[in-house]
Protein backbone atom coordinates (compact mmCIF):
# COMPACT_ATOMS: atom_id res chain seq x y z
CA MET A 1 -1.76 7.30 32.55
CA ALA A 2 -5.18 7.53 31.05
CA ARG A 3 -4.74 5.92 27.56
CA LEU A 4 -4.75 7.96 24.35
CA PRO A 5 -8.09 7.51 22.58
CA ARG A 6 -7.81 5.77 19.87
CA LEU A 7 -7.27 7.80 16.72
CA VAL A 8 -10.51 7.66 14.10
CA VAL A 9 -10.57 9.52 11.23
CA PRO A 10 -14.35 10.52 9.12
CA HIS A 11 -13.97 9.38 5.82
CA GLN A 12 -11.12 6.91 5.72
CA PRO A 13 -10.66 4.06 6.24
CA HIS A 14 -8.91 2.33 9.10
CA HIS A 15 -8.23 -1.34 9.66
CA ILE A 16 -9.33 -3.07 12.65
CA ILE A 17 -7.92 -6.10 14.31
CA GLN A 18 -10.30 -8.21 17.47
CA ARG A 19 -8.85 -11.21 18.99
CA GLY A 20 -10.63 -13.76 20.97
CA HIS A 21 -9.05 -13.79 24.70
CA ASP A 22 -6.41 -15.86 25.37
CA GLY A 23 -6.30 -17.09 22.07
CA LEU A 24 -10.07 -18.57 22.52
CA THR A 25 -11.86 -19.84 19.60
CA ILE A 26 -14.60 -17.03 18.78
CA PHE A 27 -16.22 -18.84 15.53
CA ARG A 28 -16.56 -22.90 16.14
CA ASP A 29 -19.26 -23.49 13.05
CA ALA A 30 -20.68 -22.40 10.42
CA ASP A 31 -23.32 -20.55 12.54
CA ASP A 32 -21.64 -18.57 14.48
CA TYR A 33 -19.51 -17.02 11.13
CA LEU A 34 -23.47 -16.23 9.93
CA HIS A 35 -24.77 -14.57 12.88
CA PHE A 36 -21.60 -12.56 13.43
CA LEU A 37 -21.71 -11.43 9.84
CA ALA A 38 -25.89 -10.74 10.09
CA TRP A 39 -24.47 -8.40 13.43
CA LEU A 40 -22.16 -7.21 11.57
CA LYS A 41 -23.74 -6.09 8.67
CA GLU A 42 -26.36 -4.37 10.22
CA ALA A 43 -24.24 -2.79 13.02
CA ALA A 44 -22.26 -0.68 9.89
CA ARG A 45 -25.88 -0.08 8.39
CA GLN A 46 -26.83 1.29 12.05
CA PHE A 47 -23.63 3.48 12.45
CA LYS A 48 -22.80 4.25 8.58
CA VAL A 49 -20.00 2.02 8.30
CA ALA A 50 -18.56 1.17 5.20
CA ILE A 51 -16.96 -1.96 5.07
CA HIS A 52 -14.44 -2.40 2.47
CA ALA A 53 -12.58 -5.79 3.42
CA TYR A 54 -13.00 -8.53 5.99
CA VAL A 55 -11.57 -11.77 7.25
CA LEU A 56 -13.60 -14.00 9.90
CA MET A 57 -10.84 -16.57 11.37
CA PRO A 58 -11.40 -18.99 13.86
CA ASP A 59 -9.72 -16.83 17.14
CA HIS A 60 -9.92 -13.10 15.50
CA LEU A 61 -11.26 -11.13 12.92
CA HIS A 62 -9.83 -8.55 10.54
CA LEU A 63 -11.85 -5.27 9.06
CA LEU A 64 -11.39 -2.91 6.36
CA ALA A 65 -14.11 0.33 7.48
CA THR A 66 -14.35 3.53 6.54
CA PRO A 67 -16.57 5.39 9.07
CA VAL A 68 -18.89 8.73 8.63
CA ASP A 69 -17.75 10.48 11.89
CA ASP A 70 -15.53 9.45 14.58
CA GLN A 71 -17.85 7.59 16.97
CA GLY A 72 -19.06 4.45 14.11
CA LEU A 73 -16.19 2.42 14.66
CA ALA A 74 -16.18 2.20 18.07
CA ARG A 75 -20.19 2.05 18.32
CA MET A 76 -20.47 -0.55 15.77
CA MET A 77 -17.79 -3.31 17.66
CA GLN A 78 -19.25 -2.28 20.98
CA TRP A 79 -23.00 -2.91 19.43
CA ILE A 80 -22.46 -6.51 17.18
CA GLY A 81 -19.88 -7.22 20.68
CA ARG A 82 -23.55 -6.57 22.67
CA HIS A 83 -25.32 -9.20 20.59
CA TYR A 84 -22.38 -11.63 19.07
CA VAL A 85 -20.49 -12.37 23.04
CA PRO A 86 -23.89 -13.63 24.58
CA TYR A 87 -25.10 -15.68 21.83
CA PHE A 88 -22.15 -17.62 21.74
CA ASN A 89 -21.86 -17.85 25.46
CA GLN A 90 -24.65 -18.90 26.19
CA LYS A 91 -24.21 -21.45 22.85
CA VAL A 92 -21.44 -23.14 23.97
CA GLY A 93 -21.90 -22.56 27.70
CA ARG A 94 -19.41 -19.83 29.12
CA SER A 95 -19.30 -16.43 30.70
CA GLY A 96 -16.87 -13.47 30.51
CA THR A 97 -15.52 -11.60 27.85
CA LEU A 98 -14.84 -12.97 24.95
CA TRP A 99 -12.38 -10.88 23.26
CA GLN A 100 -8.83 -9.70 24.04
CA GLY A 101 -9.29 -6.06 24.99
CA ARG A 102 -9.91 -3.24 23.18
CA TYR A 103 -10.23 -3.73 19.49
CA ARG A 104 -6.43 -2.31 17.23
CA ALA A 105 -7.01 0.35 14.61
CA THR A 106 -5.18 2.04 12.35
CA VAL A 107 -5.83 4.74 9.75
CA VAL A 108 -4.99 3.41 6.17
CA ASP A 109 -3.69 5.61 3.71
CA PRO A 110 -6.14 4.97 0.29
CA GLU A 111 -3.76 5.73 -2.68
CA LEU A 112 -0.45 4.04 -1.34
CA HIS A 113 -1.97 0.74 0.91
CA LEU A 114 -5.70 0.05 0.18
CA LEU A 115 -5.52 -2.59 -1.76
CA ALA A 116 -2.28 -3.40 0.27
CA VAL A 117 -4.96 -4.09 3.30
CA CYS A 118 -7.40 -5.84 1.36
CA HIS A 119 -5.02 -8.44 0.37
CA TYR A 120 -3.37 -8.71 4.24
CA ILE A 121 -6.58 -9.27 5.31
CA GLU A 122 -7.85 -11.46 2.48
CA LEU A 123 -4.71 -13.81 2.37
CA ASN A 124 -4.82 -14.28 6.34
CA PRO A 125 -6.05 -17.66 6.08
CA VAL A 126 -3.59 -18.39 3.28
CA ARG A 127 -0.27 -17.07 5.59
CA SER A 128 -2.79 -19.61 8.76
CA GLY A 129 -2.19 -22.55 6.37
CA LEU A 130 -6.77 -23.24 6.53
CA VAL A 131 -6.23 -22.72 2.94
CA ALA A 132 -3.95 -23.24 -0.55
CA SER A 133 -5.94 -19.60 -1.97
CA PRO A 134 -8.10 -17.14 0.03
CA ALA A 135 -11.12 -18.12 -2.42
CA ASP A 136 -11.17 -21.60 -1.40
CA TYR A 137 -12.22 -19.73 2.38
CA PRO A 138 -15.47 -18.90 2.93
CA TRP A 139 -15.62 -16.21 5.21
CA SER A 140 -13.29 -13.76 3.62
CA SER A 141 -14.19 -10.64 1.10
CA ALA A 142 -11.61 -12.56 -1.44
CA MET A 143 -14.57 -14.31 -3.42
CA HIS A 144 -16.72 -10.55 -3.78
CA HIS A 145 -13.40 -8.82 -4.62
CA ILE A 146 -12.77 -11.46 -7.42
CA GLY A 147 -16.06 -11.97 -9.00
CA ALA A 148 -17.14 -15.42 -7.32
CA LYS A 149 -19.47 -14.05 -5.55
CA GLN A 150 -21.39 -10.92 -4.71
CA ASP A 151 -21.48 -9.81 -1.05
CA GLY A 152 -24.06 -7.42 0.20
CA LEU A 153 -21.68 -6.65 3.15
CA VAL A 154 -18.95 -5.13 1.13
CA THR A 155 -19.14 -1.44 -0.10
CA ASP A 156 -16.52 -0.79 -2.91
CA HIS A 157 -13.39 1.44 -2.32
CA PRO A 158 -13.09 4.40 -4.97
CA ARG A 159 -9.37 2.91 -5.12
CA TYR A 160 -11.13 -0.78 -6.16
CA TRP A 161 -13.02 0.78 -8.80
CA ASP A 162 -10.03 1.86 -10.33
CA ILE A 163 -8.17 -1.06 -11.23
CA GLY A 164 -10.28 -1.48 -14.03
CA ASN A 165 -12.73 0.10 -16.19
CA THR A 166 -15.74 -2.73 -15.80
CA PRO A 167 -16.24 -4.87 -13.52
CA PHE A 168 -14.67 -8.09 -15.47
CA ASP A 169 -11.04 -5.99 -15.48
CA ARG A 170 -11.52 -5.39 -12.13
CA GLU A 171 -12.17 -8.53 -10.81
CA ILE A 172 -9.30 -9.88 -13.42
CA ALA A 173 -6.83 -7.07 -11.98
CA TYR A 174 -7.56 -8.03 -8.30
CA ARG A 175 -7.33 -11.51 -8.52
CA GLN A 176 -3.55 -11.11 -10.13
CA SER A 177 -2.51 -8.98 -7.56
CA LEU A 178 -3.90 -10.75 -4.77
CA GLU A 179 -2.23 -13.87 -6.08
CA GLU A 180 1.21 -12.08 -6.26
CA GLY A 181 0.62 -11.44 -2.30
CA LEU A 182 2.90 -9.33 -0.44
CA SER A 183 6.28 -9.39 0.85
CA GLN A 184 7.27 -10.03 3.95
CA ALA A 185 8.11 -6.55 5.17
CA HIS A 186 4.99 -5.66 3.76
CA ILE A 187 2.50 -8.23 6.43
CA ASP A 188 5.13 -6.74 8.88
CA SER A 189 4.12 -2.73 8.55
CA ILE A 190 0.39 -3.26 8.12
CA THR A 191 1.10 -5.45 11.08
CA ALA A 192 3.36 -3.61 13.58
CA ALA A 193 1.10 -0.14 12.17
CA THR A 194 -2.44 -1.26 13.36
CA LEU A 195 -0.96 -3.36 16.70
CA LYS A 196 0.20 0.17 17.64
CA GLY A 197 -2.18 2.76 16.73
CA TRP A 198 0.08 3.71 14.07
CA ALA A 199 -1.14 5.53 11.03
CA LEU A 200 -0.25 3.57 7.64
CA GLY A 201 1.08 6.10 4.90
CA SER A 202 3.36 8.21 3.27
CA ASP A 203 4.97 10.73 4.94
CA ALA A 204 2.27 13.59 3.25
CA PHE A 205 -0.53 11.50 4.39
CA LYS A 206 0.53 11.31 7.73
CA GLN A 207 1.43 15.68 8.24
CA GLU A 208 -1.66 16.20 6.84
CA LEU A 209 -3.45 13.43 9.91
CA GLU A 210 -1.21 15.66 12.56
CA ARG A 211 -2.71 18.76 10.78
CA GLN A 212 -6.21 17.36 11.27
CA THR A 213 -6.30 15.88 14.49
CA ARG A 214 -3.67 17.73 16.21
CA ARG A 215 -1.56 14.97 17.62
CA ARG A 216 0.90 12.52 16.58
CA VAL A 217 0.02 9.87 14.29
CA SER A 218 3.61 7.92 13.79
CA PRO A 219 6.78 6.88 15.76
CA ALA A 220 8.72 10.16 17.24
CA LYS A 221 12.22 9.78 14.60
CA ARG A 222 15.06 9.17 16.56
CA GLY A 223 17.54 12.95 16.87
CA ARG A 224 15.19 14.59 18.28
CA PRO A 225 15.74 17.61 20.73
CA LEU A 226 15.78 17.27 24.83
CA ALA A 227 13.03 18.21 25.58
CA ALA A 228 10.60 16.75 22.36
CA ARG A 229 11.90 13.73 23.51
CA ALA A 230 10.46 14.29 26.79
CA GLU A 231 7.61 15.11 25.71
CA VAL A 232 7.29 12.15 23.37
CA ALA A 233 8.66 9.39 26.03
CA ASP A 234 5.17 10.93 28.47
CA ALA A 235 2.96 10.42 25.24
CA ASP A 236 4.63 6.99 25.19
CA ASP A 237 3.87 6.35 28.37
CA SER A 238 0.09 6.79 27.76
CA GLU A 239 0.05 4.62 24.81
CA VAL A 240 1.77 1.14 26.88
CA SER A 241 -0.79 1.88 29.00
CA LYS A 242 -3.84 0.78 26.60
């Protein structure tokens, strides 16, 4: 069966994960990271996508991004691929795909989860054992958010501005919450929602998304009538084919 289209909602933040093919290292040195970030900045500008947080890991990447239309994310990721993949393949003497299938993405409730997803992204190098602190990793937005440097790629989300009245207040508040980290349950919920394409947010947020998009944005609850369960099963078959 044809796979369901990826859920993209204009003017809402989305968490994106893109992995290297079969665990392939996709960033081998500083030049690779710098080239990718330059192309990401240009693609975000071209396709009107605001990048709120990011991390480039050796074998995958995370973005938190808001598009102005329902095509911007896909066009941005395709444009980057058309530039980065040939560059990388020529550099290391390989051919073929660099990515493990399509990128994964979920719509994020900004009021409830935006800062948590920023932390999830920027703490990735710590969870992976690459650094002791997110501020020690040069290829993420963490240093921007804590005031260690200005990053021209990052567009601050209004939710970030809500955490303090001045830049200094925001940076201190963000550093403190970043140091507190996330519970394993929260980490698991963000990961599962992104990999499965389900919206990450409150029930009210999900209900509004379903009203806007006229499609299911979260797993079906148990105990539905038989006819509803059959309809959900058909939809899930399409999801599996992604």
